[in-house]
Amino acid sequence: MAKILVTGGTGFIGSHTVVELHNAGYEVIIVDNFSNSNPKILTQLETIIGVKPAFVELDLCDEQKVKDFVSANPDITGVIHFAAFKAVGESVQQPLSYYRNNFFSLINVLNAFNSKIDFVFSSSCTVYGQPDTLPVTENAAVKKAESPYGNTKQIAEEILSETCAVNPELFVTSLRYFNPVGAHASALIGELPIGVPQNLVPFITQSAIGKRGQITVYGNDYNTPDGSAVRDYIHVVDLAKAHVAAIKRLESNKASSNYEIFNLGTGKGSSVLEIIHAFEESTGEKLNYSIGPRREGDVEQVYGDVTKAANELGWKAELDIKEMMRSAWNWEKYLKDNPF
């Protein structure tokens, strides 16, 4: 059984990926420092998968401790690297913190493995900005980042690409995903935003449960079918399964080069108003929302061409937006009765 290191494995996407790796027969070891997650997730994971996940609390910015960890685990065959700060607004206020954390952690992990590892990187569609054409393909131009967070994803991809160019034993897959939402069917793990959610769906569920007030739809005058901004939303469980597919592709030496990029999404855009209506239809809950002015920095619409992932990873998203909303709502209801 191959042993996979999941950095940031108690986070939103990381925890769901741990479940799918376990389901696929992998041995998993999680590293996290809980800077953006909750230790209780480890207990939740144990309930879902039936075994206590191997876990080491570690700050990946500590170079020596990362080296010591890797030395103590010589049987690790692959890494899925989620660990990073990820709040766009916070990154604008604290750029040095984001550059330090997101780059040092990545570089320390690569150095500790001596750049000889199968490596899956958590990237983002933010690298595309507002694309020139839609749906956006992996060959689209990378635009100037709108935030230090987005810039860390762009530069991290450059670091990985350039390191692969001189290290033939390093195989990297960068997964550029769109908007992960939803929760595990058990409702035991899901998105746990700190403070006021910056993303639409957790704000919707928190508003519906009574934690937040009215939802603001930022702009209804975009050049979209209903005037609200359009994004490609993907169920987090589908996304987690894509990471398993990426590890399997690397293990089986099917990669066309030692640095590959894949878009992960549904290939279909959904507007903010469509998401609101899908939530209402799938849960029976009515939402209180109003239309506000456009928000600075928001792109009008972005959704991905996911043909490459289907053809080469053998993966495609299967869960629709109603299931995304239903599962997110079940998780929010679970949190009300079982606060973290």
Protein backbone atom coordinates (compact mmCIF):
# COMPACT_ATOMS: atom_id res chain seq x y z
CA MET A 1 0.00 0.00 0.00
CA ALA A 2 1.57 3.26 -1.14
CA LYS A 3 2.03 5.92 1.54
CA ILE A 4 0.89 9.42 0.64
CA LEU A 5 1.72 12.59 2.57
CA VAL A 6 -1.16 15.08 2.63
CA THR A 7 -0.02 18.51 3.80
CA GLY A 8 -2.87 20.66 5.10
CA GLY A 9 -4.84 17.44 5.43
CA THR A 10 -7.25 18.72 8.08
CA GLY A 11 -8.42 21.56 5.83
CA PHE A 12 -11.52 21.65 3.64
CA ILE A 13 -10.21 19.97 0.49
CA GLY A 14 -7.42 18.11 2.27
CA SER A 15 -9.75 16.27 4.67
CA HIS A 16 -12.02 15.10 1.85
CA THR A 17 -8.97 13.94 -0.11
CA VAL A 18 -7.78 11.92 2.90
CA VAL A 19 -11.11 10.07 2.84
CA GLU A 20 -10.89 9.33 -0.89
CA LEU A 21 -7.27 8.19 -0.62
CA HIS A 22 -8.29 5.80 2.14
CA ASN A 23 -11.21 4.55 0.04
CA ALA A 24 -8.76 3.89 -2.80
CA GLY A 25 -6.53 1.78 -0.55
CA TYR A 26 -3.73 4.22 0.22
CA GLU A 27 -1.94 4.67 3.52
CA VAL A 28 -2.13 8.35 4.44
CA ILE A 29 -0.09 10.52 6.75
CA ILE A 30 -1.36 14.04 7.46
CA VAL A 31 0.78 17.04 8.32
CA ASP A 32 -0.88 20.24 9.50
CA ASN A 33 -0.36 23.03 12.03
CA PHE A 34 -4.07 23.95 12.37
CA SER A 35 -3.44 27.53 11.28
CA ASN A 36 -6.61 27.37 9.18
CA SER A 37 -8.32 24.20 10.41
CA ASN A 38 -9.60 22.47 13.52
CA PRO A 39 -8.03 19.50 15.35
CA LYS A 40 -11.50 17.96 15.75
CA ILE A 41 -11.40 17.10 12.04
CA LEU A 42 -9.05 14.23 12.92
CA THR A 43 -11.79 12.68 15.07
CA GLN A 44 -14.32 13.25 12.29
CA LEU A 45 -12.02 11.52 9.80
CA GLU A 46 -11.60 8.56 12.12
CA THR A 47 -15.39 8.19 12.29
CA ILE A 48 -15.71 8.28 8.49
CA ILE A 49 -12.85 5.95 7.53
CA GLY A 50 -12.92 3.68 10.58
CA VAL A 51 -9.27 4.09 11.54
CA LYS A 52 -7.32 6.84 13.25
CA PRO A 53 -5.40 8.71 10.54
CA ALA A 54 -1.66 9.05 11.00
CA PHE A 55 -0.98 12.67 11.89
CA VAL A 56 2.01 14.88 12.71
CA GLU A 57 1.53 18.47 13.86
CA LEU A 58 4.18 20.43 12.03
CA ASP A 59 4.83 23.90 10.65
CA LEU A 60 6.22 23.30 7.17
CA CYS A 61 8.04 26.63 7.32
CA ASP A 62 10.44 25.04 9.83
CA GLU A 63 13.06 23.64 7.46
CA GLN A 64 14.84 21.35 9.92
CA LYS A 65 11.64 19.85 11.28
CA VAL A 66 10.44 19.10 7.74
CA LYS A 67 13.74 17.35 6.98
CA ASP A 68 13.47 15.36 10.21
CA PHE A 69 9.90 14.34 9.37
CA VAL A 70 10.82 13.13 5.89
CA SER A 71 13.83 11.24 7.26
CA ALA A 72 11.53 9.50 9.74
CA ASN A 73 9.12 8.50 6.96
CA PRO A 74 11.30 7.09 4.14
CA ASP A 75 8.37 5.04 2.77
CA ILE A 76 6.40 8.08 1.55
CA THR A 77 5.91 7.67 -2.21
CA GLY A 78 3.82 10.71 -3.03
CA VAL A 79 2.84 14.15 -1.73
CA ILE A 80 -0.40 16.08 -2.12
CA HIS A 81 0.41 19.63 -1.09
CA PHE A 82 -2.55 21.69 0.14
CA ALA A 83 -0.83 23.56 2.98
CA ALA A 84 -1.08 27.30 2.24
CA PHE A 85 -2.76 30.47 3.41
CA LYS A 86 -5.71 31.11 1.10
CA ALA A 87 -7.79 34.19 2.04
CA VAL A 88 -7.62 36.71 -0.81
CA GLY A 89 -8.53 39.75 1.28
CA GLU A 90 -6.16 38.85 4.08
CA SER A 91 -3.34 38.36 1.58
CA VAL A 92 -3.77 41.97 0.41
CA GLN A 93 -3.37 43.15 4.00
CA GLN A 94 -0.55 40.75 4.90
CA PRO A 95 1.45 40.04 1.72
CA LEU A 96 4.72 39.12 3.43
CA SER A 97 2.95 36.59 5.62
CA TYR A 98 1.46 34.93 2.54
CA TYR A 99 4.72 34.89 0.57
CA ARG A 100 6.64 33.51 3.52
CA ASN A 101 4.17 30.77 4.40
CA ASN A 102 3.20 29.63 0.92
CA PHE A 103 6.73 29.62 -0.54
CA PHE A 104 8.77 28.41 2.42
CA SER A 105 6.45 25.46 3.02
CA LEU A 106 6.60 24.40 -0.63
CA ILE A 107 10.37 24.79 -0.93
CA ASN A 108 11.06 23.00 2.35
CA VAL A 109 9.00 19.97 1.28
CA LEU A 110 10.71 19.79 -2.12
CA ASN A 111 14.15 20.09 -0.53
CA ALA A 112 13.41 17.46 2.10
CA PHE A 113 12.56 14.93 -0.61
CA ASN A 114 15.60 16.05 -2.62
CA SER A 115 13.19 16.76 -5.50
CA LYS A 116 12.63 13.02 -6.01
CA ILE A 117 8.93 12.44 -5.42
CA ASP A 118 5.50 12.24 -7.06
CA PHE A 119 3.99 15.61 -6.18
CA VAL A 120 0.43 16.91 -6.64
CA PHE A 121 0.06 20.66 -6.14
CA SER A 122 -3.11 22.47 -5.11
CA SER A 123 -3.31 25.33 -7.58
CA SER A 124 -6.17 27.57 -8.62
CA CYS A 125 -8.07 29.05 -11.54
CA THR A 126 -7.12 32.46 -10.11
CA VAL A 127 -4.02 32.22 -12.32
CA TYR A 128 -6.25 32.94 -15.34
CA GLY A 129 -7.77 36.21 -14.06
CA GLN A 130 -10.51 37.23 -16.49
CA PRO A 131 -9.78 34.90 -19.42
CA ASP A 132 -9.79 36.18 -22.99
CA THR A 133 -11.94 33.26 -24.12
CA LEU A 134 -14.28 30.83 -22.36
CA PRO A 135 -14.20 28.05 -21.42
CA VAL A 136 -10.60 28.56 -20.34
CA THR A 137 -8.10 25.84 -21.27
CA GLU A 138 -4.79 24.93 -19.64
CA ASN A 139 -3.03 26.75 -22.50
CA ALA A 140 -4.64 30.09 -21.68
CA ALA A 141 -2.42 32.99 -20.73
CA VAL A 142 -1.62 33.43 -17.04
CA LYS A 143 -2.74 36.96 -16.17
CA LYS A 144 -1.27 39.33 -13.61
CA ALA A 145 -2.54 38.17 -10.21
CA GLU A 146 -5.28 40.19 -8.52
CA SER A 147 -3.89 39.48 -5.04
CA PRO A 148 -0.77 38.24 -3.24
CA TYR A 149 -2.64 34.94 -2.69
CA GLY A 150 -3.14 34.53 -6.43
CA ASN A 151 0.46 35.51 -7.02
CA THR A 152 1.66 32.76 -4.66
CA LYS A 153 -0.15 30.19 -6.82
CA GLN A 154 1.39 31.59 -10.02
CA ILE A 155 4.91 31.73 -8.62
CA ALA A 156 4.56 28.32 -6.96
CA GLU A 157 3.71 26.85 -10.37
CA GLU A 158 6.82 28.53 -11.78
CA ILE A 159 8.95 27.12 -8.95
CA LEU A 160 7.63 23.63 -9.64
CA SER A 161 7.98 23.87 -13.41
CA GLU A 162 11.54 25.17 -13.24
CA THR A 163 12.53 22.59 -10.61
CA CYS A 164 11.09 19.79 -12.75
CA ALA A 165 13.12 21.07 -15.71
CA VAL A 166 16.38 20.22 -13.90
CA ASN A 167 15.17 17.28 -11.80
CA PRO A 168 13.98 14.37 -13.96
CA GLU A 169 13.06 12.37 -10.84
CA LEU A 170 10.54 14.98 -9.70
CA PHE A 171 7.08 14.47 -11.21
CA VAL A 172 4.56 17.22 -10.55
CA THR A 173 0.88 17.61 -11.38
CA SER A 174 -0.59 21.07 -10.79
CA LEU A 175 -4.35 20.97 -10.38
CA ARG A 176 -5.99 24.29 -11.15
CA TYR A 177 -9.39 24.12 -9.56
CA PHE A 178 -12.30 26.39 -9.77
CA ASN A 179 -14.77 26.90 -6.86
CA PRO A 180 -14.92 23.95 -4.42
CA VAL A 181 -18.18 23.72 -2.46
CA GLY A 182 -20.32 21.15 -0.69
CA ALA A 183 -19.44 18.60 1.97
CA HIS A 184 -19.02 14.88 2.55
CA ALA A 185 -22.23 12.82 2.41
CA SER A 186 -21.79 11.93 6.09
CA ALA A 187 -22.03 15.66 6.99
CA LEU A 188 -19.08 15.08 9.33
CA ILE A 189 -16.58 17.22 7.41
CA GLY A 190 -17.03 20.33 5.29
CA GLU A 191 -15.89 23.92 4.89
CA LEU A 192 -14.96 25.66 8.16
CA PRO A 193 -14.31 29.33 7.35
CA ILE A 194 -12.71 31.43 10.07
CA GLY A 195 -14.74 34.57 10.75
CA VAL A 196 -17.08 35.96 8.10
CA PRO A 197 -16.98 33.70 5.03
CA GLN A 198 -15.40 35.27 1.96
CA ASN A 199 -16.93 32.67 -0.35
CA LEU A 200 -20.55 32.55 -1.51
CA VAL A 201 -21.75 29.11 -0.43
CA PRO A 202 -20.66 29.13 3.24
CA PHE A 203 -22.13 32.63 3.52
CA ILE A 204 -25.39 31.28 2.08
CA THR A 205 -25.54 28.38 4.54
CA GLN A 206 -24.61 30.58 7.50
CA SER A 207 -27.25 33.10 6.49
CA ALA A 208 -29.87 30.36 6.18
CA ILE A 209 -29.02 28.94 9.62
CA GLY A 210 -29.16 32.39 11.22
CA LYS A 211 -25.45 33.08 11.78
CA ARG A 212 -25.32 35.85 9.17
CA GLY A 213 -27.66 38.51 7.91
CA GLN A 214 -28.81 39.26 4.42
CA ILE A 215 -26.82 37.95 1.46
CA THR A 216 -25.53 40.56 -0.96
CA VAL A 217 -25.32 39.68 -4.65
CA TYR A 218 -22.47 41.86 -5.87
CA GLY A 219 -23.70 43.15 -9.22
CA ASN A 220 -26.59 42.22 -11.51
CA ASP A 221 -25.40 44.13 -14.56
CA TYR A 222 -22.68 41.80 -15.82
CA ASN A 223 -22.85 40.46 -19.37
CA THR A 224 -24.24 37.12 -18.19
CA PRO A 225 -27.66 35.46 -18.63
CA ASP A 226 -29.08 36.92 -15.40
CA GLY A 227 -26.58 39.73 -14.81
CA SER A 228 -24.82 38.15 -11.83
CA ALA A 229 -21.23 36.90 -11.90
CA VAL A 230 -20.58 33.37 -13.18
CA ARG A 231 -18.21 30.78 -11.68
CA ASP A 232 -17.50 27.09 -12.16
CA TYR A 233 -18.54 25.38 -8.91
CA ILE A 234 -17.28 21.86 -8.18
CA HIS A 235 -18.28 19.47 -5.42
CA VAL A 236 -15.41 18.95 -2.99
CA VAL A 237 -15.82 15.15 -3.13
CA ASP A 238 -15.41 15.20 -6.91
CA LEU A 239 -12.36 17.39 -6.42
CA ALA A 240 -10.90 15.01 -3.83
CA LYS A 241 -11.31 12.09 -6.24
CA ALA A 242 -9.36 14.05 -8.87
CA HIS A 243 -6.36 14.17 -6.53
CA VAL A 244 -6.48 10.38 -6.22
CA ALA A 245 -6.61 10.13 -10.02
CA ALA A 246 -3.58 12.44 -10.24
CA ILE A 247 -1.54 10.30 -7.81
CA LYS A 248 -2.49 7.13 -9.69
CA ARG A 249 -1.42 8.70 -13.00
CA LEU A 250 1.99 9.58 -11.54
CA GLU A 251 2.40 6.14 -9.96
CA SER A 252 1.68 4.37 -13.22
CA ASN A 253 4.18 6.55 -15.15
CA LYS A 254 1.47 7.76 -17.53
CA ALA A 255 2.44 11.43 -17.33
CA SER A 256 3.37 12.90 -20.71
CA SER A 257 6.08 14.99 -19.01
CA ASN A 258 7.34 15.47 -15.47
CA TYR A 259 5.30 18.67 -15.14
CA GLU A 260 1.62 18.63 -16.06
CA ILE A 261 -1.34 20.98 -15.49
CA PHE A 262 -5.03 20.10 -15.34
CA ASN A 263 -8.16 22.20 -14.92
CA LEU A 264 -10.64 20.77 -12.43
CA GLY A 265 -14.24 21.92 -12.64
CA THR A 266 -17.56 20.92 -14.12
CA GLY A 267 -16.91 22.75 -17.38
CA LYS A 268 -20.10 24.76 -16.82
CA GLY A 269 -20.58 28.16 -15.30
CA SER A 270 -23.26 28.90 -12.72
CA SER A 271 -24.27 32.43 -11.73
CA VAL A 272 -24.59 33.71 -8.19
CA LEU A 273 -28.37 33.87 -8.60
CA GLU A 274 -28.46 30.33 -9.98
CA ILE A 275 -26.58 29.11 -6.90
CA ILE A 276 -29.03 30.92 -4.61
CA HIS A 277 -32.02 29.39 -6.41
CA ALA A 278 -30.40 25.92 -6.43
CA PHE A 279 -29.96 26.17 -2.66
CA GLU A 280 -33.59 27.12 -2.18
CA GLU A 281 -34.83 24.33 -4.47
CA SER A 282 -32.67 21.59 -2.99
CA THR A 283 -33.20 22.46 0.68
CA GLY A 284 -36.63 24.10 0.81
CA GLU A 285 -35.06 27.04 2.65
CA LYS A 286 -35.80 30.57 1.48
CA LEU A 287 -32.89 32.98 1.40
CA ASN A 288 -32.86 36.68 2.22
CA TYR A 289 -30.74 38.42 -0.39
CA SER A 290 -30.39 41.79 -2.06
CA ILE A 291 -28.57 43.17 -5.07
CA GLY A 292 -25.56 45.36 -4.35
CA PRO A 293 -22.91 47.09 -6.47
CA ARG A 294 -20.14 45.15 -8.15
CA ARG A 295 -17.24 44.20 -5.88
CA GLU A 296 -13.79 45.46 -6.83
CA GLY A 297 -11.53 42.70 -8.15
CA ASP A 298 -14.33 40.32 -9.14
CA VAL A 299 -14.12 38.89 -12.65
CA GLU A 300 -17.30 38.73 -14.69
CA GLN A 301 -17.26 35.04 -15.47
CA VAL A 302 -14.85 32.15 -15.50
CA TYR A 303 -15.36 28.46 -16.11
CA GLY A 304 -13.01 25.79 -17.31
CA ASP A 305 -12.52 23.48 -20.23
CA VAL A 306 -12.06 20.13 -18.48
CA THR A 307 -11.52 17.98 -21.57
CA LYS A 308 -7.89 17.30 -20.71
CA ALA A 309 -8.77 15.99 -17.24
CA ALA A 310 -11.38 13.68 -18.78
CA ASN A 311 -9.06 12.37 -21.49
CA GLU A 312 -5.79 12.06 -19.57
CA LEU A 313 -6.70 11.81 -15.87
CA GLY A 314 -9.77 9.71 -16.60
CA TRP A 315 -11.74 11.96 -14.26
CA LYS A 316 -14.84 14.10 -14.52
CA ALA A 317 -17.13 15.82 -12.04
CA GLU A 318 -20.31 13.87 -11.33
CA LEU A 319 -22.23 15.83 -8.65
CA ASP A 320 -24.48 18.75 -9.69
CA ILE A 321 -25.07 22.10 -7.99
CA LYS A 322 -28.20 20.88 -6.19
CA GLU A 323 -26.17 18.12 -4.53
CA MET A 324 -23.46 20.69 -3.73
CA MET A 325 -26.05 22.90 -2.00
CA ARG A 326 -27.80 20.00 -0.25
CA SER A 327 -24.58 18.62 1.23
CA ALA A 328 -23.34 22.08 2.27
CA TRP A 329 -26.64 22.66 4.08
CA ASN A 330 -26.48 19.28 5.84
CA TRP A 331 -22.98 20.18 7.06
CA GLU A 332 -24.18 23.58 8.33
CA LYS A 333 -27.02 21.88 10.23
CA TYR A 334 -24.55 19.40 11.72
CA LEU A 335 -22.37 22.29 12.92
CA LYS A 336 -25.33 23.93 14.62
CA ASP A 337 -25.85 20.83 16.77
CA ASN A 338 -22.16 19.96 17.05
CA PRO A 339 -20.22 23.23 17.23
CA PHE A 340 -16.47 23.08 16.66
